[in-house]
Amino acid sequence: MDLILPDYYGENIYTLSCFIAEYLGVQRQCLNKMNLNVNSKLVLALFDGLGWNIFNRTGINLQATKITSVFPSTTSTVLTTLFTASTPGEHGVLGYNTFSKRLGGIVNTLRYTYPTVSDRDSIRDSVPFSSSFPYVKGYLKEVQGKKAISLVPKGIENTEFSNATHGASGESKTYVNFWDAFYQLSQILQQDAYDFIYFYVPDVDTLSHKYGPYTDPTIKSARDILIGILEISEKHKKYSFIITADHGHVPVSETILFNNDQDLLNMLDVPPYGDSRAIFLRTRYDVSIYLSRKYGSLKIFGKSDLERLLGKIKDISAFPDYIAVPTDYRAFIFNFKEKDDYDKLKGHHGGLLQEEFEIPLVILNG
């Protein structure tokens, strides 16, 4: 299967983020930006996991543009890009688990904890997120003269990751389920007090991981979410709605556990990290031949490819020596916990196949 390389000059979540930053009056040194026609008030609705592949199967008649994600195509990297207007190579949040020079090892970026620890933000009291990832500069902190609010699921508000990205809006509200999410959004819109509203819904991603991207629960959740946002947008014409996603999903054909590959682990300085479909390797050895021979479907990228994959680079010393990307539907996992269900998921993302890398962009009331 063909891989799609990121286009940080084209129609990409990065150039969308650069448009939003400029819309809010914040200047960034972007490679390029989208040009969209929107009203003076804006809702950014990000539906986690709603790739073009799933969007296309909902049967909802919405005029959409097919754009691409950033690499790796995973939530932590995309959200950081979206709210910093910087490329992954600049902000350095690379994948579900990534390497931090400041912490001297691998950290789960969304939860800001070590991969073996379940508690969220367990590192916060020792080292704040801003020290571990100093190039994450959320543009919402710089907005002047506009009022912003975020609406996110209960439990992810006021975390280190949220505060570093969209939490800088100053105000946030939470919801407990699907119905509450759209009720809360409707209440916020009726106030007519905000210039920018960020609305995040994770359900499609959750169901894609559990059941796979093309199953009934996943498609139905995507359909219901799109119907909900369409109905709300028709009642609030003063607001433009930008609807997009962070990534799509691929159905998993086989799961490879790197825990069982002792020969590979012996060549690495730290365990494999990143995502199941974007595997980052730090090593003093040339592992490309070994990986190509043992796992023939892996495309191996070296340090000379980093700019092609990650855009502008801020600190290359923090990045891996090799990146392995599957060209098939296999998931490649290193379980940091001895008892973990990560290897049992039926949908995965992070790589460069169309199904995980192409996402929709819908503008309502533009």
Foldseek 3Di string as FASTA:
>chain_A
DDFDFDDQADQELLLDLCVVLVLLPHDDPGPHHDDDDWFQAAEEEAEAAFFPVLVVPLPDDFDWDKGWAAFQLDDLQSQLSNFQSAWCQQQVPFAQWAFFVVVPGIARQQQGGRLQDDHRPPCPVPDAPCRRRVRRAGSLLVGPPFQEEEEEAPPSAPGSSCCSGVNSSVYYHHAHDDVRLLVVVLVVLVVVRGRYYYRYHHQLVVCCQAPNNPDPVNSVVSNVVVVSVVVSCVVRLSYKYKYKYSWHKHFAPEEAECVPVVVVVVFAPHDWDHFQFKTFTAGPDDCVVVCCVVPVQKDKDALVCCCSRTNDHDDSVRGGGIIIGGPDRHTYDYRPYPDDCSRVTGITGRHGDSRTIMMIIGIGSD
